[in-house]
Amino acid sequence: MEYIKNDYELKQLALDIALEAIQEVKQHGGDHYELIDQAAANSQHAIYTYKAIMLCANCCTADAEALLDDASYRFDSFAHHACVLAEVTIQNAALQEFYELGGEVAA
């Protein structure tokens, strides 16, 4: 995927992350939340500035912005802001999908 163009594509990425976390915990144990956090942090859409900017421009980031504001998170640059906001947006979307799948009960 070149970059995420809309909320539907973000939801699909989030669903993939949630399903992968559930499968990983079933097979090898571990913590769903940690796996989701790692997947979001390592997503190409959070690492590469252009992809992060496009995600932020094309998707609803309101929940992630609120989380970062509540934590009084400060940014070094526009690129840093875009990457962190994209990561938290992906993580939040993946957690929502995880809960919709039944959360820890599904695992």
PDB file of N, CA and C in Angstrom:
ATOM      1  N   MET A   1       0.848  -1.170   0.000  1.00  0.00           N
ATOM      2  CA  MET A   1       0.000   0.000   0.000  1.00  0.00           C
ATOM      3  C   MET A   1       0.896   1.237   0.000  1.00  0.00           C
ATOM      4  N   GLU A   2       0.704   2.083  -0.999  1.00  0.00           N
ATOM      5  CA  GLU A   2       1.541   3.279  -1.111  1.00  0.00           C
ATOM      6  C   GLU A   2       1.383   4.170   0.120  1.00  0.00           C
ATOM      7  N   TYR A   3       0.173   4.588   0.384  1.00  0.00           N
ATOM      8  CA  TYR A   3      -0.156   5.324   1.598  1.00  0.00           C
ATOM      9  C   TYR A   3      -1.641   5.143   1.869  1.00  0.00           C
ATOM     10  N   ILE A   4      -2.065   5.417   3.074  1.00  0.00           N
ATOM     11  CA  ILE A   4      -3.457   5.231   3.451  1.00  0.00           C
ATOM     12  C   ILE A   4      -4.255   6.430   2.945  1.00  0.00           C
ATOM     13  N   LYS A   5      -5.272   6.134   2.147  1.00  0.00           N
ATOM     14  CA  LYS A   5      -6.024   7.183   1.467  1.00  0.00           C
ATOM     15  C   LYS A   5      -7.329   7.562   2.151  1.00  0.00           C
ATOM     16  N   ASN A   6      -7.812   6.721   3.084  1.00  0.00           N
ATOM     17  CA  ASN A   6      -9.094   7.022   3.735  1.00  0.00           C
ATOM     18  C   ASN A   6      -9.246   6.168   4.998  1.00  0.00           C
ATOM     19  N   ASP A   7     -10.325   6.440   5.717  1.00  0.00           N
ATOM     20  CA  ASP A   7     -10.565   5.720   6.974  1.00  0.00           C
ATOM     21  C   ASP A   7     -10.817   4.227   6.752  1.00  0.00           C
ATOM     22  N   TYR A   8     -11.372   3.859   5.607  1.00  0.00           N
ATOM     23  CA  TYR A   8     -11.595   2.438   5.313  1.00  0.00           C
ATOM     24  C   TYR A   8     -10.255   1.701   5.254  1.00  0.00           C
ATOM     25  N   GLU A   9      -9.277   2.269   4.566  1.00  0.00           N
ATOM     26  CA  GLU A   9      -7.959   1.626   4.480  1.00  0.00           C
ATOM     27  C   GLU A   9      -7.286   1.585   5.845  1.00  0.00           C
ATOM     28  N   LEU A  10      -7.476   2.627   6.646  1.00  0.00           N
ATOM     29  CA  LEU A  10      -6.946   2.623   8.016  1.00  0.00           C
ATOM     30  C   LEU A  10      -7.599   1.500   8.815  1.00  0.00           C
ATOM     31  N   LYS A  11      -8.907   1.343   8.666  1.00  0.00           N
ATOM     32  CA  LYS A  11      -9.619   0.281   9.388  1.00  0.00           C
ATOM     33  C   LYS A  11      -9.115  -1.098   8.959  1.00  0.00           C
ATOM     34  N   GLN A  12      -8.824  -1.279   7.685  1.00  0.00           N
ATOM     35  CA  GLN A  12      -8.310  -2.562   7.201  1.00  0.00           C
ATOM     36  C   GLN A  12      -6.928  -2.856   7.795  1.00  0.00           C
ATOM     37  N   LEU A  13      -6.060  -1.847   7.837  1.00  0.00           N
ATOM     38  CA  LEU A  13      -4.750  -2.009   8.467  1.00  0.00           C
ATOM     39  C   LEU A  13      -4.917  -2.349   9.939  1.00  0.00           C
ATOM     40  N   ALA A  14      -5.819  -1.636  10.608  1.00  0.00           N
ATOM     41  CA  ALA A  14      -6.058  -1.873  12.032  1.00  0.00           C
ATOM     42  C   ALA A  14      -6.586  -3.281  12.284  1.00  0.00           C
ATOM     43  N   LEU A  15      -7.487  -3.743  11.426  1.00  0.00           N
ATOM     44  CA  LEU A  15      -8.022  -5.099  11.555  1.00  0.00           C
ATOM     45  C   LEU A  15      -6.916  -6.134  11.380  1.00  0.00           C
ATOM     46  N   ASP A  16      -6.050  -5.928  10.406  1.00  0.00           N
ATOM     47  CA  ASP A  16      -4.917  -6.844  10.197  1.00  0.00           C
ATOM     48  C   ASP A  16      -4.023  -6.897  11.434  1.00  0.00           C
ATOM     49  N   ILE A  17      -3.746  -5.749  12.023  1.00  0.00           N
ATOM     50  CA  ILE A  17      -2.904  -5.688  13.221  1.00  0.00           C
ATOM     51  C   ILE A  17      -3.581  -6.422  14.385  1.00  0.00           C
ATOM     52  N   ALA A  18      -4.883  -6.183  14.579  1.00  0.00           N
ATOM     53  CA  ALA A  18      -5.610  -6.827  15.675  1.00  0.00           C
ATOM     54  C   ALA A  18      -5.638  -8.338  15.500  1.00  0.00           C
ATOM     55  N   LEU A  19      -5.937  -8.798  14.288  1.00  0.00           N
ATOM     56  CA  LEU A  19      -5.969 -10.246  14.034  1.00  0.00           C
ATOM     57  C   LEU A  19      -4.595 -10.877  14.217  1.00  0.00           C
ATOM     58  N   GLU A  20      -3.566 -10.184  13.787  1.00  0.00           N
ATOM     59  CA  GLU A  20      -2.200 -10.702  13.958  1.00  0.00           C
ATOM     60  C   GLU A  20      -1.848 -10.803  15.440  1.00  0.00           C
ATOM     61  N   ALA A  21      -2.249  -9.816  16.230  1.00  0.00           N
ATOM     62  CA  ALA A  21      -1.974  -9.855  17.673  1.00  0.00           C
ATOM     63  C   ALA A  21      -2.699 -11.025  18.330  1.00  0.00           C
ATOM     64  N   ILE A  22      -3.949 -11.235  17.960  1.00  0.00           N
ATOM     65  CA  ILE A  22      -4.717 -12.348  18.523  1.00  0.00           C
ATOM     66  C   ILE A  22      -4.058 -13.676  18.163  1.00  0.00           C
ATOM     67  N   GLN A  23      -3.684 -13.842  16.907  1.00  0.00           N
ATOM     68  CA  GLN A  23      -3.043 -15.081  16.453  1.00  0.00           C
ATOM     69  C   GLN A  23      -1.701 -15.300  17.154  1.00  0.00           C
ATOM     70  N   GLU A  24      -0.925 -14.245  17.289  1.00  0.00           N
ATOM     71  CA  GLU A  24       0.392 -14.350  17.940  1.00  0.00           C
ATOM     72  C   GLU A  24       0.242 -14.794  19.395  1.00  0.00           C
ATOM     73  N   VAL A  25      -0.721 -14.219  20.105  1.00  0.00           N
ATOM     74  CA  VAL A  25      -0.917 -14.586  21.511  1.00  0.00           C
ATOM     75  C   VAL A  25      -1.428 -16.018  21.622  1.00  0.00           C
ATOM     76  N   LYS A  26      -2.298 -16.439  20.702  1.00  0.00           N
ATOM     77  CA  LYS A  26      -2.786 -17.823  20.714  1.00  0.00           C
ATOM     78  C   LYS A  26      -1.640 -18.808  20.517  1.00  0.00           C
ATOM     79  N   GLN A  27      -0.738 -18.479  19.603  1.00  0.00           N
ATOM     80  CA  GLN A  27       0.344 -19.408  19.271  1.00  0.00           C
ATOM     81  C   GLN A  27       1.519 -19.346  20.246  1.00  0.00           C
ATOM     82  N   HIS A  28       1.865 -18.141  20.700  1.00  0.00           N
ATOM     83  CA  HIS A  28       3.108 -17.991  21.459  1.00  0.00           C
ATOM     84  C   HIS A  28       2.944 -17.297  22.803  1.00  0.00           C
ATOM     85  N   GLY A  29       1.722 -16.885  23.124  1.00  0.00           N
ATOM     86  CA  GLY A  29       1.516 -16.142  24.366  1.00  0.00           C
ATOM     87  C   GLY A  29       1.969 -14.692  24.200  1.00  0.00           C
ATOM     88  N   GLY A  30       1.853 -13.966  25.253  1.00  0.00           N
ATOM     89  CA  GLY A  30       2.272 -12.573  25.214  1.00  0.00           C
ATOM     90  C   GLY A  30       1.129 -11.642  25.558  1.00  0.00           C
ATOM     91  N   ASP A  31       1.352 -10.396  25.283  1.00  0.00           N
ATOM     92  CA  ASP A  31       0.404  -9.343  25.634  1.00  0.00           C
ATOM     93  C   ASP A  31      -0.145  -8.700  24.367  1.00  0.00           C
ATOM     94  N   HIS A  32      -1.455  -8.781  24.195  1.00  0.00           N
ATOM     95  CA  HIS A  32      -2.100  -8.210  23.006  1.00  0.00           C
ATOM     96  C   HIS A  32      -1.754  -6.735  22.836  1.00  0.00           C
ATOM     97  N   TYR A  33      -1.818  -6.007  23.935  1.00  0.00           N
ATOM     98  CA  TYR A  33      -1.625  -4.559  23.868  1.00  0.00           C
ATOM     99  C   TYR A  33      -0.201  -4.202  23.460  1.00  0.00           C
ATOM    100  N   GLU A  34       0.744  -4.933  23.958  1.00  0.00           N
ATOM    101  CA  GLU A  34       2.137  -4.703  23.590  1.00  0.00           C
ATOM    102  C   GLU A  34       2.359  -5.014  22.106  1.00  0.00           C
ATOM    103  N   LEU A  35       1.770  -6.086  21.638  1.00  0.00           N
ATOM    104  CA  LEU A  35       1.917  -6.447  20.220  1.00  0.00           C
ATOM    105  C   LEU A  35       1.275  -5.409  19.303  1.00  0.00           C
ATOM    106  N   ILE A  36       0.110  -4.910  19.694  1.00  0.00           N
ATOM    107  CA  ILE A  36      -0.558  -3.870  18.909  1.00  0.00           C
ATOM    108  C   ILE A  36       0.282  -2.600  18.914  1.00  0.00           C
ATOM    109  N   ASP A  37       0.811  -2.245  20.067  1.00  0.00           N
ATOM    110  CA  ASP A  37       1.666  -1.059  20.178  1.00  0.00           C
ATOM    111  C   ASP A  37       2.899  -1.186  19.287  1.00  0.00           C
ATOM    112  N   GLN A  38       3.545  -2.347  19.321  1.00  0.00           N
ATOM    113  CA  GLN A  38       4.735  -2.571  18.491  1.00  0.00           C
ATOM    114  C   GLN A  38       4.402  -2.532  17.006  1.00  0.00           C
ATOM    115  N   ALA A  39       3.281  -3.129  16.624  1.00  0.00           N
ATOM    116  CA  ALA A  39       2.887  -3.134  15.210  1.00  0.00           C
ATOM    117  C   ALA A  39       2.611  -1.719  14.719  1.00  0.00           C
ATOM    118  N   ALA A  40       1.949  -0.918  15.533  1.00  0.00           N
ATOM    119  CA  ALA A  40       1.665   0.469  15.144  1.00  0.00           C
ATOM    120  C   ALA A  40       2.964   1.262  15.027  1.00  0.00           C
ATOM    121  N   ALA A  41       3.865   1.080  15.986  1.00  0.00           N
ATOM    122  CA  ALA A  41       5.135   1.813  15.975  1.00  0.00           C
ATOM    123  C   ALA A  41       6.011   1.409  14.793  1.00  0.00           C
ATOM    124  N   ASN A  42       5.888   0.168  14.354  1.00  0.00           N
ATOM    125  CA  ASN A  42       6.723  -0.323  13.253  1.00  0.00           C
ATOM    126  C   ASN A  42       6.031  -0.251  11.892  1.00  0.00           C
ATOM    127  N   SER A  43       4.823   0.276  11.860  1.00  0.00           N
ATOM    128  CA  SER A  43       4.107   0.397  10.591  1.00  0.00           C
ATOM    129  C   SER A  43       4.816   1.394   9.676  1.00  0.00           C
ATOM    130  N   GLN A  44       4.898   1.046   8.418  1.00  0.00           N
ATOM    131  CA  GLN A  44       5.517   1.959   7.453  1.00  0.00           C
ATOM    132  C   GLN A  44       4.758   3.281   7.391  1.00  0.00           C
ATOM    133  N   HIS A  45       3.495   3.278   7.795  1.00  0.00           N
ATOM    134  CA  HIS A  45       2.679   4.488   7.760  1.00  0.00           C
ATOM    135  C   HIS A  45       2.957   5.393   8.955  1.00  0.00           C
ATOM    136  N   ALA A  46       3.701   4.918   9.919  1.00  0.00           N
ATOM    137  CA  ALA A  46       4.124   5.749  11.046  1.00  0.00           C
ATOM    138  C   ALA A  46       5.613   6.073  10.963  1.00  0.00           C
ATOM    139  N   ILE A  47       6.370   5.267  10.251  1.00  0.00           N
ATOM    140  CA  ILE A  47       7.818   5.460  10.160  1.00  0.00           C
ATOM    141  C   ILE A  47       8.196   6.464   9.076  1.00  0.00           C
ATOM    142  N   TYR A  48       7.602   6.311   7.901  1.00  0.00           N
ATOM    143  CA  TYR A  48       7.951   7.175   6.772  1.00  0.00           C
ATOM    144  C   TYR A  48       7.127   8.453   6.824  1.00  0.00           C
ATOM    145  N   THR A  49       7.807   9.588   6.873  1.00  0.00           N
ATOM    146  CA  THR A  49       7.149  10.877   7.071  1.00  0.00           C
ATOM    147  C   THR A  49       6.055  11.130   6.047  1.00  0.00           C
ATOM    148  N   TYR A  50       6.317  10.894   4.782  1.00  0.00           N
ATOM    149  CA  TYR A  50       5.319  11.148   3.745  1.00  0.00           C
ATOM    150  C   TYR A  50       4.052  10.328   3.993  1.00  0.00           C
ATOM    151  N   LYS A  51       4.229   9.046   4.302  1.00  0.00           N
ATOM    152  CA  LYS A  51       3.069   8.187   4.546  1.00  0.00           C
ATOM    153  C   LYS A  51       2.328   8.623   5.806  1.00  0.00           C
ATOM    154  N   ALA A  52       3.069   9.054   6.810  1.00  0.00           N
ATOM    155  CA  ALA A  52       2.442   9.537   8.041  1.00  0.00           C
ATOM    156  C   ALA A  52       1.642  10.811   7.778  1.00  0.00           C
ATOM    157  N   ILE A  53       2.207  11.723   7.008  1.00  0.00           N
ATOM    158  CA  ILE A  53       1.500  12.960   6.682  1.00  0.00           C
ATOM    159  C   ILE A  53       0.224  12.653   5.899  1.00  0.00           C
ATOM    160  N   MET A  54       0.317  11.743   4.948  1.00  0.00           N
ATOM    161  CA  MET A  54      -0.857  11.394   4.151  1.00  0.00           C
ATOM    162  C   MET A  54      -1.933  10.730   5.015  1.00  0.00           C
ATOM    163  N   LEU A  55      -1.540   9.873   5.943  1.00  0.00           N
ATOM    164  CA  LEU A  55      -2.506   9.264   6.853  1.00  0.00           C
ATOM    165  C   LEU A  55      -3.207  10.351   7.658  1.00  0.00           C
ATOM    166  N   CYS A  56      -2.427  11.282   8.196  1.00  0.00           N
ATOM    167  CA  CYS A  56      -2.998  12.358   9.007  1.00  0.00           C
ATOM    168  C   CYS A  56      -3.924  13.248   8.176  1.00  0.00           C
ATOM    169  N   ALA A  57      -3.581  13.462   6.920  1.00  0.00           N
ATOM    170  CA  ALA A  57      -4.395  14.314   6.053  1.00  0.00           C
ATOM    171  C   ALA A  57      -5.679  13.619   5.603  1.00  0.00           C
ATOM    172  N   ASN A  58      -5.632  12.302   5.443  1.00  0.00           N
ATOM    173  CA  ASN A  58      -6.741  11.569   4.842  1.00  0.00           C
ATOM    174  C   ASN A  58      -7.662  10.859   5.821  1.00  0.00           C
ATOM    175  N   CYS A  59      -7.264  10.757   7.073  1.00  0.00           N
ATOM    176  CA  CYS A  59      -8.043   9.983   8.043  1.00  0.00           C
ATOM    177  C   CYS A  59      -8.399  10.839   9.253  1.00  0.00           C
ATOM    178  N   CYS A  60      -9.387  10.388   9.983  1.00  0.00           N
ATOM    179  CA  CYS A  60      -9.769  11.068  11.218  1.00  0.00           C
ATOM    180  C   CYS A  60      -8.731  10.754  12.296  1.00  0.00           C
ATOM    181  N   THR A  61      -8.085  11.782  12.798  1.00  0.00           N
ATOM    182  CA  THR A  61      -7.061  11.617  13.829  1.00  0.00           C
ATOM    183  C   THR A  61      -7.488  12.233  15.156  1.00  0.00           C
ATOM    184  N   ALA A  62      -8.761  12.578  15.285  1.00  0.00           N
ATOM    185  CA  ALA A  62      -9.245  13.306  16.466  1.00  0.00           C
ATOM    186  C   ALA A  62      -8.968  12.564  17.775  1.00  0.00           C
ATOM    187  N   ASP A  63      -9.223  11.261  17.813  1.00  0.00           N
ATOM    188  CA  ASP A  63      -8.989  10.502  19.048  1.00  0.00           C
ATOM    189  C   ASP A  63      -7.518  10.496  19.423  1.00  0.00           C
ATOM    190  N   ALA A  64      -6.659  10.309  18.439  1.00  0.00           N
ATOM    191  CA  ALA A  64      -5.216  10.300  18.700  1.00  0.00           C
ATOM    192  C   ALA A  64      -4.739  11.681  19.151  1.00  0.00           C
ATOM    193  N   GLU A  65      -5.254  12.722  18.521  1.00  0.00           N
ATOM    194  CA  GLU A  65      -4.891  14.080  18.927  1.00  0.00           C
ATOM    195  C   GLU A  65      -5.289  14.332  20.371  1.00  0.00           C
ATOM    196  N   ALA A  66      -6.473  13.875  20.757  1.00  0.00           N
ATOM    197  CA  ALA A  66      -6.937  14.052  22.129  1.00  0.00           C
ATOM    198  C   ALA A  66      -6.042  13.301  23.119  1.00  0.00           C
ATOM    199  N   LEU A  67      -5.656  12.076  22.762  1.00  0.00           N
ATOM    200  CA  LEU A  67      -4.759  11.309  23.632  1.00  0.00           C
ATOM    201  C   LEU A  67      -3.420  12.013  23.817  1.00  0.00           C
ATOM    202  N   LEU A  68      -2.878  12.533  22.734  1.00  0.00           N
ATOM    203  CA  LEU A  68      -1.592  13.227  22.812  1.00  0.00           C
ATOM    204  C   LEU A  68      -1.717  14.539  23.579  1.00  0.00           C
ATOM    205  N   ASP A  69      -2.828  15.246  23.398  1.00  0.00           N
ATOM    206  CA  ASP A  69      -3.055  16.482  24.152  1.00  0.00           C
ATOM    207  C   ASP A  69      -3.178  16.197  25.639  1.00  0.00           C
ATOM    208  N   ASP A  70      -3.917  15.131  25.984  1.00  0.00           N
ATOM    209  CA  ASP A  70      -4.084  14.756  27.388  1.00  0.00           C
ATOM    210  C   ASP A  70      -2.757  14.408  28.045  1.00  0.00           C
ATOM    211  N   ALA A  71      -1.856  13.842  27.260  1.00  0.00           N
ATOM    212  CA  ALA A  71      -0.533  13.463  27.774  1.00  0.00           C
ATOM    213  C   ALA A  71       0.457  14.626  27.697  1.00  0.00           C
ATOM    214  N   SER A  72       0.001  15.782  27.207  1.00  0.00           N
ATOM    215  CA  SER A  72       0.861  16.972  27.038  1.00  0.00           C
ATOM    216  C   SER A  72       2.099  16.655  26.215  1.00  0.00           C
ATOM    217  N   TYR A  73       1.915  15.838  25.189  1.00  0.00           N
ATOM    218  CA  TYR A  73       3.032  15.419  24.334  1.00  0.00           C
ATOM    219  C   TYR A  73       3.506  16.600  23.498  1.00  0.00           C
ATOM    220  N   ARG A  74       4.806  16.788  23.412  1.00  0.00           N
ATOM    221  CA  ARG A  74       5.406  17.881  22.633  1.00  0.00           C
ATOM    222  C   ARG A  74       6.230  17.302  21.492  1.00  0.00           C
ATOM    223  N   PHE A  75       6.258  18.021  20.396  1.00  0.00           N
ATOM    224  CA  PHE A  75       6.921  17.541  19.182  1.00  0.00           C
ATOM    225  C   PHE A  75       8.122  18.395  18.827  1.00  0.00           C
ATOM    226  N   ASP A  76       9.142  17.744  18.219  1.00  0.00           N
ATOM    227  CA  ASP A  76      10.364  18.428  17.806  1.00  0.00           C
ATOM    228  C   ASP A  76      10.192  19.152  16.477  1.00  0.00           C
ATOM    229  N   SER A  77       9.326  18.596  15.627  1.00  0.00           N
ATOM    230  CA  SER A  77       9.189  19.132  14.271  1.00  0.00           C
ATOM    231  C   SER A  77       7.838  18.689  13.701  1.00  0.00           C
ATOM    232  N   PHE A  78       7.512  19.233  12.551  1.00  0.00           N
ATOM    233  CA  PHE A  78       6.286  18.823  11.864  1.00  0.00           C
ATOM    234  C   PHE A  78       6.348  17.339  11.517  1.00  0.00           C
ATOM    235  N   ALA A  79       7.487  16.879  11.025  1.00  0.00           N
ATOM    236  CA  ALA A  79       7.634  15.464  10.653  1.00  0.00           C
ATOM    237  C   ALA A  79       7.442  14.561  11.865  1.00  0.00           C
ATOM    238  N   HIS A  80       8.027  14.948  12.996  1.00  0.00           N
ATOM    239  CA  HIS A  80       7.876  14.178  14.231  1.00  0.00           C
ATOM    240  C   HIS A  80       6.403  14.142  14.645  1.00  0.00           C
ATOM    241  N   HIS A  81       5.742  15.279  14.552  1.00  0.00           N
ATOM    242  CA  HIS A  81       4.324  15.356  14.891  1.00  0.00           C
ATOM    243  C   HIS A  81       3.503  14.405  14.022  1.00  0.00           C
ATOM    244  N   ALA A  82       3.739  14.431  12.714  1.00  0.00           N
ATOM    245  CA  ALA A  82       2.990  13.575  11.791  1.00  0.00           C
ATOM    246  C   ALA A  82       3.223  12.103  12.097  1.00  0.00           C
ATOM    247  N   CYS A  83       4.460  11.717  12.338  1.00  0.00           N
ATOM    248  CA  CYS A  83       4.780  10.306  12.593  1.00  0.00           C
ATOM    249  C   CYS A  83       4.168   9.812  13.901  1.00  0.00           C
ATOM    250  N   VAL A  84       4.262  10.610  14.955  1.00  0.00           N
ATOM    251  CA  VAL A  84       3.683  10.203  16.242  1.00  0.00           C
ATOM    252  C   VAL A  84       2.161  10.166  16.147  1.00  0.00           C
ATOM    253  N   LEU A  85       1.570  11.155  15.506  1.00  0.00           N
ATOM    254  CA  LEU A  85       0.117  11.178  15.358  1.00  0.00           C
ATOM    255  C   LEU A  85      -0.363   9.992  14.529  1.00  0.00           C
ATOM    256  N   ALA A  86       0.349   9.651  13.483  1.00  0.00           N
ATOM    257  CA  ALA A  86      -0.008   8.482  12.667  1.00  0.00           C
ATOM    258  C   ALA A  86       0.102   7.202  13.494  1.00  0.00           C
ATOM    259  N   GLU A  87       1.181   7.069  14.259  1.00  0.00           N
ATOM    260  CA  GLU A  87       1.355   5.871  15.091  1.00  0.00           C
ATOM    261  C   GLU A  87       0.214   5.720  16.087  1.00  0.00           C
ATOM    262  N   VAL A  88      -0.140   6.785  16.775  1.00  0.00           N
ATOM    263  CA  VAL A  88      -1.203   6.711  17.781  1.00  0.00           C
ATOM    264  C   VAL A  88      -2.557   6.476  17.113  1.00  0.00           C
ATOM    265  N   THR A  89      -2.759   7.046  15.928  1.00  0.00           N
ATOM    266  CA  THR A  89      -4.000   6.811  15.185  1.00  0.00           C
ATOM    267  C   THR A  89      -4.124   5.344  14.804  1.00  0.00           C
ATOM    268  N   ILE A  90      -3.040   4.753  14.307  1.00  0.00           N
ATOM    269  CA  ILE A  90      -3.048   3.327  13.949  1.00  0.00           C
ATOM    270  C   ILE A  90      -3.278   2.471  15.191  1.00  0.00           C
ATOM    271  N   GLN A  91      -2.572   2.794  16.258  1.00  0.00           N
ATOM    272  CA  GLN A  91      -2.711   2.025  17.492  1.00  0.00           C
ATOM    273  C   GLN A  91      -4.147   2.094  18.018  1.00  0.00           C
ATOM    274  N   ASN A  92      -4.718   3.281  18.044  1.00  0.00           N
ATOM    275  CA  ASN A  92      -6.083   3.444  18.528  1.00  0.00           C
ATOM    276  C   ASN A  92      -7.079   2.679  17.654  1.00  0.00           C
ATOM    277  N   ALA A  93      -6.910   2.758  16.338  1.00  0.00           N
ATOM    278  CA  ALA A  93      -7.799   2.033  15.417  1.00  0.00           C
ATOM    279  C   ALA A  93      -7.659   0.527  15.605  1.00  0.00           C
ATOM    280  N   ALA A  94      -6.434   0.037  15.805  1.00  0.00           N
ATOM    281  CA  ALA A  94      -6.207  -1.395  16.013  1.00  0.00           C
ATOM    282  C   ALA A  94      -6.828  -1.861  17.332  1.00  0.00           C
ATOM    283  N   LEU A  95      -6.732  -1.043  18.366  1.00  0.00           N
ATOM    284  CA  LEU A  95      -7.368  -1.401  19.637  1.00  0.00           C
ATOM    285  C   LEU A  95      -8.882  -1.452  19.496  1.00  0.00           C
ATOM    286  N   GLN A  96      -9.461  -0.520  18.744  1.00  0.00           N
ATOM    287  CA  GLN A  96     -10.901  -0.548  18.510  1.00  0.00           C
ATOM    288  C   GLN A  96     -11.304  -1.834  17.783  1.00  0.00           C
ATOM    289  N   GLU A  97     -10.527  -2.220  16.780  1.00  0.00           N
ATOM    290  CA  GLU A  97     -10.816  -3.466  16.053  1.00  0.00           C
ATOM    291  C   GLU A  97     -10.649  -4.668  16.980  1.00  0.00           C
ATOM    292  N   PHE A  98      -9.628  -4.653  17.811  1.00  0.00           N
ATOM    293  CA  PHE A  98      -9.384  -5.729  18.773  1.00  0.00           C
ATOM    294  C   PHE A  98     -10.598  -5.904  19.687  1.00  0.00           C
ATOM    295  N   TYR A  99     -11.117  -4.799  20.193  1.00  0.00           N
ATOM    296  CA  TYR A  99     -12.286  -4.873  21.080  1.00  0.00           C
ATOM    297  C   TYR A  99     -13.527  -5.319  20.312  1.00  0.00           C
ATOM    298  N   GLU A 100     -13.682  -4.888  19.069  1.00  0.00           N
ATOM    299  CA  GLU A 100     -14.829  -5.318  18.264  1.00  0.00           C
ATOM    300  C   GLU A 100     -14.781  -6.809  17.959  1.00  0.00           C
ATOM    301  N   LEU A 101     -13.569  -7.350  17.891  1.00  0.00           N
ATOM    302  CA  LEU A 101     -13.411  -8.796  17.677  1.00  0.00           C
ATOM    303  C   LEU A 101     -13.628  -9.597  18.946  1.00  0.00           C
ATOM    304  N   GLY A 102     -13.826  -8.931  20.059  1.00  0.00           N
ATOM    305  CA  GLY A 102     -14.053  -9.620  21.328  1.00  0.00           C
ATOM    306  C   GLY A 102     -12.919  -9.444  22.297  1.00  0.00           C
ATOM    307  N   GLY A 103     -11.909  -8.696  21.928  1.00  0.00           N
ATOM    308  CA  GLY A 103     -10.799  -8.423  22.832  1.00  0.00           C
ATOM    309  C   GLY A 103     -10.099  -9.683  23.276  1.00  0.00           C
ATOM    310  N   GLU A 104      -9.766  -9.725  24.533  1.00  0.00           N
ATOM    311  CA  GLU A 104      -9.026 -10.856  25.070  1.00  0.00           C
ATOM    312  C   GLU A 104      -9.840 -12.133  25.063  1.00  0.00           C
ATOM    313  N   VAL A 105     -11.149 -12.023  24.998  1.00  0.00           N
ATOM    314  CA  VAL A 105     -12.015 -13.208  24.914  1.00  0.00           C
ATOM    315  C   VAL A 105     -11.792 -13.924  23.582  1.00  0.00           C
ATOM    316  N   ALA A 106     -11.548 -13.148  22.532  1.00  0.00           N
ATOM    317  CA  ALA A 106     -11.324 -13.734  21.208  1.00  0.00           C
ATOM    318  C   ALA A 106     -10.042 -14.544  21.163  1.00  0.00           C
ATOM    319  N   ALA A 107      -9.115 -14.179  22.009  1.00  0.00           N
ATOM    320  CA  ALA A 107      -7.842 -14.897  22.041  1.00  0.00           C
ATOM    321  C   ALA A 107      -8.017 -16.121  22.889  1.00  0.00           C
TER     322      ALA A 107
END
